[in-house]
Amino acid sequence: MFDVGFTELLVIFVVALLVVGPERLPAVARKLGLYVGKMRRSFQSIKDEVEQELELEAVKAQLKENALLAEAKELEEQMAQTIGNNSGETEKPQSEDSKNLNE
C-alpha cells in the first residue's frame, strides 16, 4: 500500500519516542496497532462485499444471456415448424371453377 522503507520507519520511531516519551510509547504503539488492524479488517470486508456484488452481477448477466439464447432457440424451432408446415401446403387443391375451365 505505502512504500515505507527502513529509514522512514526509524525516523517515525525516533519522532514518536521524542513526542510521546519512553513510558507511554508501548501503550501508544499497542493502540496504534489495534486501529491499524481494525482499518485493515474494514477495508477487507468492503473489498469482499464489492467482489461479491461483482460476482452477482456477472451471474445475473449470464442468466440473462442464457434466457435470451433459450428464447432464440425456441423461436428458431417454431419458425422451422412453421416453414415445414407451409412447405407441405404449397400443393393447394384446385377449386371447382378452375377444374371446369381445364376441361
N, C-alpha and C. Protein backbone atom coordinates (compact mmCIF):
# COMPACT_ATOMS: atom_id res chain seq x y z
N MET A 1 0.84 -1.17 0.00
CA MET A 1 0.00 0.00 0.00
C MET A 1 0.90 1.25 0.00
N PHE A 2 1.63 1.48 1.07
CA PHE A 2 2.58 2.58 1.12
C PHE A 2 3.97 1.98 1.03
N ASP A 3 4.83 2.67 0.32
CA ASP A 3 6.20 2.19 0.18
C ASP A 3 7.04 2.85 1.28
N VAL A 4 7.12 2.18 2.43
CA VAL A 4 7.85 2.71 3.57
C VAL A 4 9.07 1.83 3.78
N GLY A 5 10.24 2.45 3.72
CA GLY A 5 11.48 1.72 3.91
C GLY A 5 11.93 1.74 5.36
N PHE A 6 13.09 1.13 5.60
CA PHE A 6 13.62 1.03 6.96
C PHE A 6 13.94 2.41 7.54
N THR A 7 14.52 3.28 6.71
CA THR A 7 14.90 4.60 7.22
C THR A 7 13.68 5.42 7.61
N GLU A 8 12.60 5.31 6.84
CA GLU A 8 11.39 6.04 7.20
C GLU A 8 10.80 5.52 8.50
N LEU A 9 10.81 4.21 8.69
CA LEU A 9 10.32 3.63 9.95
C LEU A 9 11.17 4.08 11.13
N LEU A 10 12.48 4.16 10.95
CA LEU A 10 13.38 4.61 12.01
C LEU A 10 13.12 6.06 12.39
N VAL A 11 12.90 6.91 11.40
CA VAL A 11 12.59 8.32 11.66
C VAL A 11 11.27 8.44 12.40
N ILE A 12 10.25 7.68 11.98
CA ILE A 12 8.95 7.71 12.66
C ILE A 12 9.09 7.25 14.10
N PHE A 13 9.88 6.22 14.34
CA PHE A 13 10.07 5.71 15.70
C PHE A 13 10.76 6.75 16.58
N VAL A 14 11.79 7.41 16.07
CA VAL A 14 12.52 8.42 16.85
C VAL A 14 11.61 9.60 17.17
N VAL A 15 10.84 10.06 16.21
CA VAL A 15 9.92 11.17 16.45
C VAL A 15 8.86 10.78 17.47
N ALA A 16 8.31 9.57 17.35
CA ALA A 16 7.31 9.10 18.32
C ALA A 16 7.92 8.99 19.70
N LEU A 17 9.13 8.53 19.80
CA LEU A 17 9.81 8.42 21.10
C LEU A 17 10.01 9.79 21.74
N LEU A 18 10.36 10.78 20.93
CA LEU A 18 10.55 12.13 21.45
C LEU A 18 9.23 12.79 21.84
N VAL A 19 8.18 12.57 21.05
CA VAL A 19 6.90 13.22 21.31
C VAL A 19 6.16 12.55 22.45
N VAL A 20 6.07 11.26 22.44
CA VAL A 20 5.26 10.52 23.43
C VAL A 20 6.07 10.24 24.69
N GLY A 21 7.29 9.93 24.53
CA GLY A 21 8.12 9.59 25.68
C GLY A 21 8.24 8.08 25.82
N PRO A 22 9.32 7.63 26.47
CA PRO A 22 9.56 6.19 26.56
C PRO A 22 8.55 5.46 27.46
N GLU A 23 7.90 6.16 28.41
CA GLU A 23 6.96 5.48 29.31
C GLU A 23 5.66 5.11 28.60
N ARG A 24 5.16 6.02 27.77
CA ARG A 24 3.86 5.79 27.13
C ARG A 24 3.99 5.20 25.73
N LEU A 25 5.16 5.07 25.19
CA LEU A 25 5.34 4.58 23.82
C LEU A 25 4.77 3.18 23.61
N PRO A 26 4.97 2.21 24.52
CA PRO A 26 4.38 0.88 24.29
C PRO A 26 2.84 0.90 24.23
N ALA A 27 2.20 1.68 25.09
CA ALA A 27 0.73 1.77 25.08
C ALA A 27 0.23 2.42 23.79
N VAL A 28 0.92 3.47 23.36
CA VAL A 28 0.53 4.15 22.11
C VAL A 28 0.74 3.21 20.92
N ALA A 29 1.84 2.49 20.92
CA ALA A 29 2.10 1.55 19.82
C ALA A 29 1.04 0.45 19.78
N ARG A 30 0.60 -0.03 20.95
CA ARG A 30 -0.43 -1.06 21.01
C ARG A 30 -1.76 -0.53 20.45
N LYS A 31 -2.15 0.68 20.88
CA LYS A 31 -3.39 1.28 20.38
C LYS A 31 -3.31 1.53 18.87
N LEU A 32 -2.16 2.00 18.43
CA LEU A 32 -1.97 2.24 17.01
C LEU A 32 -2.10 0.93 16.21
N GLY A 33 -1.53 -0.13 16.76
CA GLY A 33 -1.64 -1.44 16.11
C GLY A 33 -3.08 -1.92 16.05
N LEU A 34 -3.85 -1.71 17.12
CA LEU A 34 -5.26 -2.10 17.13
C LEU A 34 -6.05 -1.33 16.07
N TYR A 35 -5.80 -0.01 15.99
CA TYR A 35 -6.52 0.79 15.00
C TYR A 35 -6.15 0.39 13.57
N VAL A 36 -4.89 0.11 13.35
CA VAL A 36 -4.46 -0.33 12.01
C VAL A 36 -5.12 -1.66 11.67
N GLY A 37 -5.21 -2.57 12.64
CA GLY A 37 -5.87 -3.86 12.42
C GLY A 37 -7.35 -3.69 12.09
N LYS A 38 -8.00 -2.78 12.82
CA LYS A 38 -9.42 -2.51 12.54
C LYS A 38 -9.61 -1.94 11.14
N MET A 39 -8.73 -1.03 10.75
CA MET A 39 -8.83 -0.44 9.40
C MET A 39 -8.62 -1.50 8.33
N ARG A 40 -7.65 -2.38 8.54
CA ARG A 40 -7.40 -3.43 7.55
C ARG A 40 -8.60 -4.36 7.42
N ARG A 41 -9.19 -4.73 8.58
CA ARG A 41 -10.36 -5.61 8.53
C ARG A 41 -11.54 -4.94 7.85
N SER A 42 -11.74 -3.65 8.12
CA SER A 42 -12.86 -2.95 7.48
C SER A 42 -12.63 -2.83 5.97
N PHE A 43 -11.39 -2.52 5.56
CA PHE A 43 -11.09 -2.45 4.13
C PHE A 43 -11.26 -3.82 3.47
N GLN A 44 -10.87 -4.87 4.17
CA GLN A 44 -11.02 -6.22 3.62
C GLN A 44 -12.50 -6.58 3.48
N SER A 45 -13.32 -6.21 4.46
CA SER A 45 -14.75 -6.53 4.37
C SER A 45 -15.40 -5.75 3.23
N ILE A 46 -15.00 -4.50 3.05
CA ILE A 46 -15.53 -3.71 1.93
C ILE A 46 -15.10 -4.34 0.61
N LYS A 47 -13.85 -4.75 0.52
CA LYS A 47 -13.34 -5.39 -0.70
C LYS A 47 -14.11 -6.68 -0.99
N ASP A 48 -14.36 -7.48 0.05
CA ASP A 48 -15.11 -8.72 -0.13
C ASP A 48 -16.53 -8.45 -0.61
N GLU A 49 -17.19 -7.43 -0.05
CA GLU A 49 -18.54 -7.08 -0.46
C GLU A 49 -18.58 -6.64 -1.92
N VAL A 50 -17.61 -5.84 -2.33
CA VAL A 50 -17.57 -5.38 -3.71
C VAL A 50 -17.35 -6.55 -4.66
N GLU A 51 -16.44 -7.46 -4.31
CA GLU A 51 -16.19 -8.63 -5.14
C GLU A 51 -17.43 -9.51 -5.23
N GLN A 52 -18.14 -9.67 -4.12
CA GLN A 52 -19.36 -10.47 -4.11
C GLN A 52 -20.42 -9.82 -5.00
N GLU A 53 -20.54 -8.50 -4.93
CA GLU A 53 -21.51 -7.79 -5.76
C GLU A 53 -21.16 -7.94 -7.24
N LEU A 54 -19.88 -7.87 -7.57
CA LEU A 54 -19.46 -8.04 -8.96
C LEU A 54 -19.75 -9.45 -9.45
N GLU A 55 -19.54 -10.44 -8.59
CA GLU A 55 -19.86 -11.82 -8.96
C GLU A 55 -21.35 -11.99 -9.19
N LEU A 56 -22.17 -11.35 -8.33
CA LEU A 56 -23.62 -11.42 -8.51
C LEU A 56 -24.04 -10.80 -9.84
N GLU A 57 -23.44 -9.67 -10.18
CA GLU A 57 -23.75 -9.02 -11.45
C GLU A 57 -23.36 -9.91 -12.62
N ALA A 58 -22.23 -10.58 -12.51
CA ALA A 58 -21.79 -11.47 -13.59
C ALA A 58 -22.74 -12.65 -13.73
N VAL A 59 -23.20 -13.20 -12.60
CA VAL A 59 -24.14 -14.32 -12.65
C VAL A 59 -25.47 -13.87 -13.26
N LYS A 60 -25.94 -12.68 -12.88
CA LYS A 60 -27.18 -12.15 -13.45
C LYS A 60 -27.06 -11.97 -14.95
N ALA A 61 -25.93 -11.44 -15.40
CA ALA A 61 -25.71 -11.25 -16.83
C ALA A 61 -25.69 -12.59 -17.55
N GLN A 62 -25.06 -13.59 -16.96
CA GLN A 62 -25.00 -14.92 -17.58
C GLN A 62 -26.39 -15.54 -17.66
N LEU A 63 -27.17 -15.39 -16.59
CA LEU A 63 -28.54 -15.92 -16.60
C LEU A 63 -29.39 -15.24 -17.66
N LYS A 64 -29.24 -13.93 -17.79
CA LYS A 64 -29.99 -13.19 -18.81
C LYS A 64 -29.60 -13.66 -20.21
N GLU A 65 -28.30 -13.85 -20.41
CA GLU A 65 -27.82 -14.32 -21.71
C GLU A 65 -28.35 -15.72 -22.02
N ASN A 66 -28.34 -16.60 -21.02
CA ASN A 66 -28.88 -17.95 -21.22
C ASN A 66 -30.36 -17.91 -21.53
N ALA A 67 -31.11 -17.03 -20.86
CA ALA A 67 -32.54 -16.91 -21.13
C ALA A 67 -32.78 -16.42 -22.55
N LEU A 68 -31.99 -15.45 -23.00
CA LEU A 68 -32.13 -14.96 -24.37
C LEU A 68 -31.79 -16.04 -25.40
N LEU A 69 -30.75 -16.81 -25.10
CA LEU A 69 -30.39 -17.90 -26.02
C LEU A 69 -31.48 -18.96 -26.08
N ALA A 70 -32.07 -19.28 -24.94
CA ALA A 70 -33.15 -20.27 -24.91
C ALA A 70 -34.36 -19.76 -25.67
N GLU A 71 -34.67 -18.48 -25.53
CA GLU A 71 -35.80 -17.90 -26.24
C GLU A 71 -35.54 -17.89 -27.75
N ALA A 72 -34.31 -17.57 -28.14
CA ALA A 72 -33.96 -17.56 -29.56
C ALA A 72 -34.05 -18.97 -30.14
N LYS A 73 -33.63 -19.97 -29.38
CA LYS A 73 -33.72 -21.36 -29.86
C LYS A 73 -35.17 -21.78 -30.00
N GLU A 74 -35.99 -21.38 -29.05
CA GLU A 74 -37.42 -21.72 -29.12
C GLU A 74 -38.07 -21.06 -30.34
N LEU A 75 -37.73 -19.81 -30.61
CA LEU A 75 -38.26 -19.13 -31.79
C LEU A 75 -37.78 -19.79 -33.07
N GLU A 76 -36.53 -20.23 -33.07
CA GLU A 76 -35.99 -20.91 -34.25
C GLU A 76 -36.75 -22.21 -34.52
N GLU A 77 -37.04 -22.95 -33.44
CA GLU A 77 -37.80 -24.19 -33.60
C GLU A 77 -39.21 -23.91 -34.11
N GLN A 78 -39.84 -22.87 -33.61
CA GLN A 78 -41.18 -22.51 -34.06
C GLN A 78 -41.16 -22.11 -35.52
N MET A 79 -40.13 -21.36 -35.93
CA MET A 79 -40.03 -20.97 -37.34
C MET A 79 -39.81 -22.19 -38.22
N ALA A 80 -39.00 -23.13 -37.76
CA ALA A 80 -38.75 -24.34 -38.54
C ALA A 80 -40.05 -25.14 -38.70
N GLN A 81 -40.84 -25.22 -37.64
CA GLN A 81 -42.12 -25.92 -37.73
C GLN A 81 -43.06 -25.20 -38.68
N THR A 82 -43.09 -23.89 -38.61
CA THR A 82 -43.97 -23.11 -39.49
C THR A 82 -43.54 -23.27 -40.94
N ILE A 83 -42.25 -23.22 -41.20
CA ILE A 83 -41.76 -23.40 -42.57
C ILE A 83 -42.06 -24.81 -43.05
N GLY A 84 -41.90 -25.79 -42.18
CA GLY A 84 -42.21 -27.18 -42.55
C GLY A 84 -43.69 -27.35 -42.85
N ASN A 85 -44.54 -26.74 -42.08
CA ASN A 85 -45.99 -26.82 -42.32
C ASN A 85 -46.37 -26.10 -43.60
N ASN A 86 -45.77 -24.96 -43.87
CA ASN A 86 -46.08 -24.20 -45.08
C ASN A 86 -45.57 -24.89 -46.33
N SER A 87 -44.48 -25.60 -46.27
CA SER A 87 -43.97 -26.27 -47.46
C SER A 87 -44.86 -27.44 -47.84
N GLY A 88 -45.54 -28.05 -46.90
CA GLY A 88 -46.49 -29.12 -47.19
C GLY A 88 -47.79 -28.60 -47.76
N GLU A 89 -48.09 -27.34 -47.57
CA GLU A 89 -49.33 -26.75 -48.05
C GLU A 89 -49.16 -26.08 -49.40
N THR A 90 -48.04 -26.17 -50.03
CA THR A 90 -47.83 -25.48 -51.31
C THR A 90 -48.66 -26.11 -52.42
N GLU A 91 -48.95 -27.36 -52.32
CA GLU A 91 -49.80 -28.01 -53.32
C GLU A 91 -51.25 -27.84 -52.89
N LYS A 92 -51.87 -26.76 -53.33
CA LYS A 92 -53.24 -26.48 -52.97
C LYS A 92 -54.18 -27.19 -53.94
N PRO A 93 -55.26 -27.72 -53.43
CA PRO A 93 -56.22 -28.35 -54.35
C PRO A 93 -56.88 -27.29 -55.21
N GLN A 94 -57.16 -27.68 -56.44
CA GLN A 94 -57.77 -26.74 -57.36
C GLN A 94 -59.25 -26.59 -57.01
N SER A 95 -59.72 -25.40 -57.18
CA SER A 95 -61.14 -25.17 -56.91
C SER A 95 -61.96 -25.73 -58.06
N GLU A 96 -63.26 -25.85 -57.86
CA GLU A 96 -64.14 -26.43 -58.89
C GLU A 96 -64.18 -25.57 -60.12
N ASP A 97 -64.09 -24.26 -59.98
CA ASP A 97 -64.11 -23.38 -61.14
C ASP A 97 -62.91 -23.59 -62.04
N SER A 98 -61.74 -23.78 -61.41
CA SER A 98 -60.57 -23.98 -62.23
C SER A 98 -60.59 -25.35 -62.87
N LYS A 99 -61.26 -26.35 -62.24
CA LYS A 99 -61.37 -27.67 -62.85
C LYS A 99 -62.26 -27.60 -64.09
N ASN A 100 -63.32 -26.85 -63.96
CA ASN A 100 -64.25 -26.71 -65.09
C ASN A 100 -63.59 -26.00 -66.25
N LEU A 101 -62.71 -25.05 -65.98
CA LEU A 101 -62.04 -24.34 -67.04
C LEU A 101 -61.02 -25.23 -67.75
N ASN A 102 -60.42 -26.15 -67.03
CA ASN A 102 -59.42 -27.03 -67.62
C ASN A 102 -60.07 -28.07 -68.53
N GLU A 103 -61.30 -28.38 -68.32
CA GLU A 103 -61.96 -29.42 -69.11
C GLU A 103 -62.37 -28.97 -70.42
